[in-house]
Amino acid sequence: MTKLALVLILLLDVRVHAQSAIQGPTCDGVIRGAVFDRSGQRATGITVVGWPLGVDLGAMLPRVMTDQAGDYRFEHVCRGRYTVIVEDKKAGYPYASPLMNEFLYGVRAAVVKVTAKHPQVELRVNMPPKPGLMQIHVSDGEKKTAVLQFTVKLSVPRQRRTHFLAIEFKQDVRNDEIQVPPDKNVICHVTAEGFREWRESAGTGKTMLVPSGTHVALEVSLDPLN
């Protein structure tokens, strides 16, 4: 989320217990496994991130690249529950987190638990479809100037798990690219303080469908309230 410099609000129920650390010299945990691409082949040179569940994310997340055999390995991992997610912008996966992936694909990532009894665990990672990318440019319909502070709400009809995402763009943030569920109908709403909701999304929302791995640009013109 810090890469996007956005505020992501995901509506889901998380029942986890906080752990105190992710990695440390006194921790003897190991998470290892292989990464497989969409064709079922081992994926080499792909970056994956180890995500702890229930930890203060002020800590640096461990990340490694798969070797020539498509294998990855995290060492000195502390006790706790983890998932491993592909995050590799060059490969078409610009940002990942357990919550984001749950929104993009509608399923929870596989989880392993590092314990004193089982300090070494193995987790296979299957690369999901590349997300769609949507870039939004918002402007004042009267003044024709850019609106830099706005909110985008996305929802996926009939998706049972984490079907809603709200993204708040701040005035000092110029990265207006959003990952969207690929090859699915996504309902989009765009609003901003002092403006009416975007005419194309007012009411039931604007339906978008972005094919996997593709990029679309959305030009949004908002009408001032007064």
C-alpha atoms as a PDB file:
ATOM      1  CA  MET A   1       0.000   0.000   0.000  1.00  0.00           C
ATOM      2  CA  THR A   2       2.876   2.374   0.575  1.00  0.00           C
ATOM      3  CA  LYS A   3       3.993   1.932  -3.049  1.00  0.00           C
ATOM      4  CA  LEU A   4       0.620   3.143  -4.228  1.00  0.00           C
ATOM      5  CA  ALA A   5       0.616   5.913  -1.640  1.00  0.00           C
ATOM      6  CA  LEU A   6      -3.127   5.422  -1.325  1.00  0.00           C
ATOM      7  CA  VAL A   7      -5.535   4.604   1.440  1.00  0.00           C
ATOM      8  CA  LEU A   8      -7.072   1.195   0.768  1.00  0.00           C
ATOM      9  CA  ILE A   9     -10.209   0.304   2.681  1.00  0.00           C
ATOM     10  CA  LEU A  10     -11.125  -3.369   2.411  1.00  0.00           C
ATOM     11  CA  LEU A  11     -14.273  -4.640   4.033  1.00  0.00           C
ATOM     12  CA  LEU A  12     -13.655  -8.070   5.465  1.00  0.00           C
ATOM     13  CA  ASP A  13     -13.499  -9.799   8.808  1.00  0.00           C
ATOM     14  CA  VAL A  14      -9.940 -10.688   9.888  1.00  0.00           C
ATOM     15  CA  ARG A  15      -9.548 -12.955  12.890  1.00  0.00           C
ATOM     16  CA  VAL A  16      -5.829 -13.182  13.643  1.00  0.00           C
ATOM     17  CA  HIS A  17      -3.619 -12.761  16.677  1.00  0.00           C
ATOM     18  CA  ALA A  18      -0.789 -10.241  16.409  1.00  0.00           C
ATOM     19  CA  GLN A  19       2.741 -11.569  16.372  1.00  0.00           C
ATOM     20  CA  SER A  20       5.664  -9.419  17.484  1.00  0.00           C
ATOM     21  CA  ALA A  21       8.157  -9.881  14.601  1.00  0.00           C
ATOM     22  CA  ILE A  22       8.517 -11.204  11.066  1.00  0.00           C
ATOM     23  CA  GLN A  23      12.224 -12.070  10.788  1.00  0.00           C
ATOM     24  CA  GLY A  24      15.129 -11.958  13.216  1.00  0.00           C
ATOM     25  CA  PRO A  25      18.551 -13.478  13.839  1.00  0.00           C
ATOM     26  CA  THR A  26      17.199 -15.619  16.667  1.00  0.00           C
ATOM     27  CA  CYS A  27      14.267 -16.949  14.617  1.00  0.00           C
ATOM     28  CA  ASP A  28      14.835 -20.371  13.071  1.00  0.00           C
ATOM     29  CA  GLY A  29      11.793 -20.597  10.826  1.00  0.00           C
ATOM     30  CA  VAL A  30      12.056 -21.346   7.105  1.00  0.00           C
ATOM     31  CA  ILE A  31       9.366 -20.946   4.463  1.00  0.00           C
ATOM     32  CA  ARG A  32      10.246 -22.490   1.127  1.00  0.00           C
ATOM     33  CA  GLY A  33       8.562 -23.714  -2.007  1.00  0.00           C
ATOM     34  CA  ALA A  34       8.248 -23.259  -5.742  1.00  0.00           C
ATOM     35  CA  VAL A  35       6.395 -20.739  -7.896  1.00  0.00           C
ATOM     36  CA  PHE A  36       4.426 -21.996 -10.903  1.00  0.00           C
ATOM     37  CA  ASP A  37       3.278 -19.846 -13.806  1.00  0.00           C
ATOM     38  CA  ARG A  38      -0.115 -19.974 -15.545  1.00  0.00           C
ATOM     39  CA  SER A  39       0.976 -22.891 -17.738  1.00  0.00           C
ATOM     40  CA  GLY A  40       2.057 -24.948 -14.738  1.00  0.00           C
ATOM     41  CA  GLN A  41       5.779 -24.456 -15.377  1.00  0.00           C
ATOM     42  CA  ARG A  42       8.192 -23.368 -12.682  1.00  0.00           C
ATOM     43  CA  ALA A  43       8.646 -19.590 -12.810  1.00  0.00           C
ATOM     44  CA  THR A  44      12.242 -18.330 -12.612  1.00  0.00           C
ATOM     45  CA  GLY A  45      13.329 -14.831 -11.629  1.00  0.00           C
ATOM     46  CA  ILE A  46       9.966 -13.937 -10.074  1.00  0.00           C
ATOM     47  CA  THR A  47       9.808 -11.861  -6.883  1.00  0.00           C
ATOM     48  CA  VAL A  48       7.589 -13.101  -4.073  1.00  0.00           C
ATOM     49  CA  VAL A  49       6.744 -11.481  -0.742  1.00  0.00           C
ATOM     50  CA  GLY A  50       6.252 -13.234   2.578  1.00  0.00           C
ATOM     51  CA  TRP A  51       3.162 -11.739   4.217  1.00  0.00           C
ATOM     52  CA  PRO A  52       2.575 -12.357   7.921  1.00  0.00           C
ATOM     53  CA  LEU A  53      -0.999 -12.455   9.141  1.00  0.00           C
ATOM     54  CA  GLY A  54      -1.670 -10.364  12.238  1.00  0.00           C
ATOM     55  CA  VAL A  55       1.568  -8.392  12.470  1.00  0.00           C
ATOM     56  CA  ASP A  56       2.324  -4.689  12.613  1.00  0.00           C
ATOM     57  CA  LEU A  57       3.284  -3.880   9.030  1.00  0.00           C
ATOM     58  CA  GLY A  58       5.663  -1.163  10.121  1.00  0.00           C
ATOM     59  CA  ALA A  59       8.237  -3.918   9.696  1.00  0.00           C
ATOM     60  CA  MET A  60       9.938  -4.581   6.358  1.00  0.00           C
ATOM     61  CA  LEU A  61       8.307  -7.462   4.530  1.00  0.00           C
ATOM     62  CA  PRO A  62      10.689 -10.220   3.408  1.00  0.00           C
ATOM     63  CA  ARG A  63      10.997 -10.628  -0.356  1.00  0.00           C
ATOM     64  CA  VAL A  64      13.087 -12.952  -2.502  1.00  0.00           C
ATOM     65  CA  MET A  65      13.406 -13.903  -6.162  1.00  0.00           C
ATOM     66  CA  THR A  66      12.940 -17.450  -7.401  1.00  0.00           C
ATOM     67  CA  ASP A  67      16.062 -19.238  -8.581  1.00  0.00           C
ATOM     68  CA  GLN A  68      16.684 -21.085 -11.849  1.00  0.00           C
ATOM     69  CA  ALA A  69      14.558 -23.959 -10.603  1.00  0.00           C
ATOM     70  CA  GLY A  70      11.663 -21.675  -9.701  1.00  0.00           C
ATOM     71  CA  ASP A  71      12.263 -22.168  -5.983  1.00  0.00           C
ATOM     72  CA  TYR A  72      12.139 -19.526  -3.241  1.00  0.00           C
ATOM     73  CA  ARG A  73      13.275 -19.592   0.388  1.00  0.00           C
ATOM     74  CA  PHE A  74      12.722 -17.280   3.358  1.00  0.00           C
ATOM     75  CA  GLU A  75      15.045 -17.827   6.318  1.00  0.00           C
ATOM     76  CA  HIS A  76      15.141 -16.563   9.937  1.00  0.00           C
ATOM     77  CA  VAL A  77      11.334 -16.409   9.945  1.00  0.00           C
ATOM     78  CA  CYS A  78       9.684 -15.901  13.324  1.00  0.00           C
ATOM     79  CA  ARG A  79       6.737 -17.875  14.658  1.00  0.00           C
ATOM     80  CA  GLY A  80       3.404 -17.050  13.106  1.00  0.00           C
ATOM     81  CA  ARG A  81       1.032 -17.510  10.165  1.00  0.00           C
ATOM     82  CA  TYR A  82       2.176 -16.518   6.676  1.00  0.00           C
ATOM     83  CA  THR A  83       1.190 -16.481   3.059  1.00  0.00           C
ATOM     84  CA  VAL A  84       3.471 -15.963   0.055  1.00  0.00           C
ATOM     85  CA  ILE A  85       2.333 -13.736  -2.818  1.00  0.00           C
ATOM     86  CA  VAL A  86       3.822 -12.763  -6.173  1.00  0.00           C
ATOM     87  CA  GLU A  87       4.727  -9.061  -6.358  1.00  0.00           C
ATOM     88  CA  ASP A  88       6.699  -8.351  -9.502  1.00  0.00           C
ATOM     89  CA  LYS A  89       5.895  -5.249 -11.533  1.00  0.00           C
ATOM     90  CA  LYS A  90       7.879  -6.396 -14.578  1.00  0.00           C
ATOM     91  CA  ALA A  91       5.888  -9.624 -14.632  1.00  0.00           C
ATOM     92  CA  GLY A  92       2.580  -7.722 -14.442  1.00  0.00           C
ATOM     93  CA  TYR A  93       1.922  -7.884 -10.691  1.00  0.00           C
ATOM     94  CA  PRO A  94       2.665  -4.344  -9.446  1.00  0.00           C
ATOM     95  CA  TYR A  95       1.311  -4.628  -5.927  1.00  0.00           C
ATOM     96  CA  ALA A  96       0.172  -7.512  -3.771  1.00  0.00           C
ATOM     97  CA  SER A  97      -1.217  -8.143  -0.318  1.00  0.00           C
ATOM     98  CA  PRO A  98      -3.492 -10.851   1.095  1.00  0.00           C
ATOM     99  CA  LEU A  99      -6.420  -8.437   1.132  1.00  0.00           C
ATOM    100  CA  MET A 100      -5.768  -7.032  -2.319  1.00  0.00           C
ATOM    101  CA  ASN A 101      -5.453 -10.505  -3.819  1.00  0.00           C
ATOM    102  CA  GLU A 102      -8.663 -11.551  -2.110  1.00  0.00           C
ATOM    103  CA  PHE A 103     -10.423  -8.641  -3.803  1.00  0.00           C
ATOM    104  CA  LEU A 104      -8.801  -9.295  -7.192  1.00  0.00           C
ATOM    105  CA  TYR A 105      -9.498 -13.025  -7.307  1.00  0.00           C
ATOM    106  CA  GLY A 106     -12.219 -13.708  -4.744  1.00  0.00           C
ATOM    107  CA  VAL A 107     -10.272 -16.398  -2.879  1.00  0.00           C
ATOM    108  CA  ARG A 108      -8.001 -16.488   0.123  1.00  0.00           C
ATOM    109  CA  ALA A 109      -4.335 -17.221  -0.331  1.00  0.00           C
ATOM    110  CA  ALA A 110      -2.943 -20.450   1.092  1.00  0.00           C
ATOM    111  CA  VAL A 111      -1.486 -20.058   4.594  1.00  0.00           C
ATOM    112  CA  VAL A 112       1.269 -21.879   6.484  1.00  0.00           C
ATOM    113  CA  LYS A 113       2.118 -21.725  10.171  1.00  0.00           C
ATOM    114  CA  VAL A 114       5.663 -21.566  11.521  1.00  0.00           C
ATOM    115  CA  THR A 115       5.793 -23.096  15.017  1.00  0.00           C
ATOM    116  CA  ALA A 116       8.382 -24.416  17.449  1.00  0.00           C
ATOM    117  CA  LYS A 117       7.355 -27.950  16.498  1.00  0.00           C
ATOM    118  CA  HIS A 118       7.317 -27.202  12.760  1.00  0.00           C
ATOM    119  CA  PRO A 119       9.853 -24.432  12.116  1.00  0.00           C
ATOM    120  CA  GLN A 120      10.308 -25.384   8.450  1.00  0.00           C
ATOM    121  CA  VAL A 121       7.247 -25.274   6.230  1.00  0.00           C
ATOM    122  CA  GLU A 122       6.610 -25.519   2.509  1.00  0.00           C
ATOM    123  CA  LEU A 123       4.140 -23.556   0.399  1.00  0.00           C
ATOM    124  CA  ARG A 124       3.540 -23.847  -3.332  1.00  0.00           C
ATOM    125  CA  VAL A 125       2.703 -20.545  -5.059  1.00  0.00           C
ATOM    126  CA  ASN A 126       0.578 -20.514  -8.201  1.00  0.00           C
ATOM    127  CA  MET A 127       0.740 -17.265 -10.128  1.00  0.00           C
ATOM    128  CA  PRO A 128      -2.783 -15.870 -10.583  1.00  0.00           C
ATOM    129  CA  PRO A 129      -3.988 -14.113 -13.732  1.00  0.00           C
ATOM    130  CA  LYS A 130      -2.386 -10.703 -14.131  1.00  0.00           C
ATOM    131  CA  PRO A 131      -4.659  -8.006 -12.744  1.00  0.00           C
ATOM    132  CA  GLY A 132      -6.180  -5.423 -15.020  1.00  0.00           C
ATOM    133  CA  LEU A 133      -4.829  -1.889 -14.635  1.00  0.00           C
ATOM    134  CA  MET A 134      -7.044   1.175 -14.721  1.00  0.00           C
ATOM    135  CA  GLN A 135      -5.718   4.726 -14.699  1.00  0.00           C
ATOM    136  CA  ILE A 136      -8.170   7.457 -13.728  1.00  0.00           C
ATOM    137  CA  HIS A 137      -7.878  11.144 -14.589  1.00  0.00           C
ATOM    138  CA  VAL A 138     -10.451  13.327 -12.828  1.00  0.00           C
ATOM    139  CA  SER A 139     -11.216  16.893 -13.853  1.00  0.00           C
ATOM    140  CA  ASP A 140     -13.575  19.754 -12.970  1.00  0.00           C
ATOM    141  CA  GLY A 141     -16.233  19.815 -15.676  1.00  0.00           C
ATOM    142  CA  GLU A 142     -16.550  23.605 -15.525  1.00  0.00           C
ATOM    143  CA  LYS A 143     -13.010  24.835 -14.936  1.00  0.00           C
ATOM    144  CA  LYS A 144     -11.381  21.991 -16.894  1.00  0.00           C
ATOM    145  CA  THR A 145      -8.743  21.688 -14.171  1.00  0.00           C
ATOM    146  CA  ALA A 146      -7.505  18.503 -12.565  1.00  0.00           C
ATOM    147  CA  VAL A 147      -9.212  17.214  -9.417  1.00  0.00           C
ATOM    148  CA  LEU A 148      -6.476  15.627  -7.322  1.00  0.00           C
ATOM    149  CA  GLN A 149      -8.467  14.489  -4.283  1.00  0.00           C
ATOM    150  CA  PHE A 150     -11.190  11.944  -5.022  1.00  0.00           C
ATOM    151  CA  THR A 151     -12.487   8.492  -4.097  1.00  0.00           C
ATOM    152  CA  VAL A 152     -12.987   5.443  -6.278  1.00  0.00           C
ATOM    153  CA  LYS A 153     -15.211   2.625  -5.056  1.00  0.00           C
ATOM    154  CA  LEU A 154     -15.112  -0.727  -6.806  1.00  0.00           C
ATOM    155  CA  SER A 155     -17.290  -3.782  -6.290  1.00  0.00           C
ATOM    156  CA  VAL A 156     -17.512  -7.184  -7.939  1.00  0.00           C
ATOM    157  CA  PRO A 157     -21.085  -8.467  -8.287  1.00  0.00           C
ATOM    158  CA  ARG A 158     -21.744 -11.914  -6.825  1.00  0.00           C
ATOM    159  CA  GLN A 159     -18.201 -12.274  -5.488  1.00  0.00           C
ATOM    160  CA  ARG A 160     -18.652 -13.802  -2.061  1.00  0.00           C
ATOM    161  CA  ARG A 161     -15.318 -12.867  -0.506  1.00  0.00           C
ATOM    162  CA  THR A 162     -13.998  -9.285  -0.265  1.00  0.00           C
ATOM    163  CA  HIS A 163     -16.175  -7.931  -3.039  1.00  0.00           C
ATOM    164  CA  PHE A 164     -15.670  -4.226  -2.216  1.00  0.00           C
ATOM    165  CA  LEU A 165     -12.687  -1.867  -2.358  1.00  0.00           C
ATOM    166  CA  ALA A 166     -12.516   1.881  -1.746  1.00  0.00           C
ATOM    167  CA  ILE A 167      -9.465   3.891  -2.761  1.00  0.00           C
ATOM    168  CA  GLU A 168      -8.933   7.448  -1.614  1.00  0.00           C
ATOM    169  CA  PHE A 169      -6.568   9.561  -3.709  1.00  0.00           C
ATOM    170  CA  LYS A 170      -4.896  12.417  -1.857  1.00  0.00           C
ATOM    171  CA  GLN A 171      -3.985  15.818  -3.256  1.00  0.00           C
ATOM    172  CA  ASP A 172      -0.234  15.193  -3.088  1.00  0.00           C
ATOM    173  CA  VAL A 173      -0.457  11.771  -4.759  1.00  0.00           C
ATOM    174  CA  ARG A 174      -0.108  11.619  -8.537  1.00  0.00           C
ATOM    175  CA  ASN A 175      -0.168   7.832  -8.939  1.00  0.00           C
ATOM    176  CA  ASP A 176      -3.734   7.242 -10.104  1.00  0.00           C
ATOM    177  CA  GLU A 177      -3.383   3.657 -11.323  1.00  0.00           C
ATOM    178  CA  ILE A 178      -5.615   0.987  -9.833  1.00  0.00           C
ATOM    179  CA  GLN A 179      -5.451  -2.790 -10.019  1.00  0.00           C
ATOM    180  CA  VAL A 180      -8.839  -4.295 -10.875  1.00  0.00           C
ATOM    181  CA  PRO A 181     -10.104  -7.883 -10.985  1.00  0.00           C
ATOM    182  CA  PRO A 182      -9.230  -9.239 -14.442  1.00  0.00           C
ATOM    183  CA  ASP A 183     -11.869 -10.435 -16.899  1.00  0.00           C
ATOM    184  CA  LYS A 184     -14.719  -9.623 -14.512  1.00  0.00           C
ATOM    185  CA  ASN A 185     -17.487  -7.068 -14.508  1.00  0.00           C
ATOM    186  CA  VAL A 186     -16.488  -4.463 -11.922  1.00  0.00           C
ATOM    187  CA  ILE A 187     -18.850  -1.716 -10.754  1.00  0.00           C
ATOM    188  CA  CYS A 188     -17.109   1.655 -10.407  1.00  0.00           C
ATOM    189  CA  HIS A 189     -18.182   4.833  -8.557  1.00  0.00           C
ATOM    190  CA  VAL A 190     -16.142   8.068  -8.579  1.00  0.00           C
ATOM    191  CA  THR A 191     -16.830  10.875  -6.101  1.00  0.00           C
ATOM    192  CA  ALA A 192     -15.055  13.978  -4.797  1.00  0.00           C
ATOM    193  CA  GLU A 193     -15.852  16.522  -2.103  1.00  0.00           C
ATOM    194  CA  GLY A 194     -17.577  19.582  -3.560  1.00  0.00           C
ATOM    195  CA  PHE A 195     -18.717  17.708  -6.680  1.00  0.00           C
ATOM    196  CA  ARG A 196     -21.628  15.566  -7.748  1.00  0.00           C
ATOM    197  CA  GLU A 197     -20.857  11.916  -8.336  1.00  0.00           C
ATOM    198  CA  TRP A 198     -19.591  11.172 -11.816  1.00  0.00           C
ATOM    199  CA  ARG A 199     -22.606  11.143 -14.105  1.00  0.00           C
ATOM    200  CA  GLU A 200     -21.631   7.783 -15.628  1.00  0.00           C
ATOM    201  CA  SER A 201     -21.417   6.104 -12.218  1.00  0.00           C
ATOM    202  CA  ALA A 202     -24.270   7.854 -10.350  1.00  0.00           C
ATOM    203  CA  GLY A 203     -26.898   5.397  -9.189  1.00  0.00           C
ATOM    204  CA  THR A 204     -26.005   1.829 -10.095  1.00  0.00           C
ATOM    205  CA  GLY A 205     -22.379   2.576 -11.030  1.00  0.00           C
ATOM    206  CA  LYS A 206     -20.387   2.215 -14.241  1.00  0.00           C
ATOM    207  CA  THR A 207     -19.590  -1.342 -15.282  1.00  0.00           C
ATOM    208  CA  MET A 208     -15.980  -1.911 -16.327  1.00  0.00           C
ATOM    209  CA  LEU A 209     -14.325  -5.045 -17.710  1.00  0.00           C
ATOM    210  CA  VAL A 210     -10.548  -5.024 -18.016  1.00  0.00           C
ATOM    211  CA  PRO A 211      -8.892  -8.080 -19.582  1.00  0.00           C
ATOM    212  CA  SER A 212      -6.034  -9.675 -17.667  1.00  0.00           C
ATOM    213  CA  GLY A 213      -2.731  -7.871 -18.137  1.00  0.00           C
ATOM    214  CA  THR A 214      -4.215  -4.932 -20.039  1.00  0.00           C
ATOM    215  CA  HIS A 215      -4.432  -1.234 -19.229  1.00  0.00           C
ATOM    216  CA  VAL A 216      -7.344   1.163 -19.682  1.00  0.00           C
ATOM    217  CA  ALA A 217      -7.537   4.913 -19.110  1.00  0.00           C
ATOM    218  CA  LEU A 218     -10.663   6.463 -17.640  1.00  0.00           C
ATOM    219  CA  GLU A 219     -11.405  10.160 -18.147  1.00  0.00           C
ATOM    220  CA  VAL A 220     -13.783  11.414 -15.472  1.00  0.00           C
ATOM    221  CA  SER A 221     -15.427  14.855 -15.545  1.00  0.00           C
ATOM    222  CA  LEU A 222     -17.205  15.954 -12.352  1.00  0.00           C
ATOM    223  CA  ASP A 223     -19.849  18.646 -12.042  1.00  0.00           C
ATOM    224  CA  PRO A 224     -19.415  21.106  -9.134  1.00  0.00           C
ATOM    225  CA  LEU A 225     -22.194  21.175  -6.542  1.00  0.00           C
ATOM    226  CA  ASN A 226     -22.724  24.936  -6.923  1.00  0.00           C
END
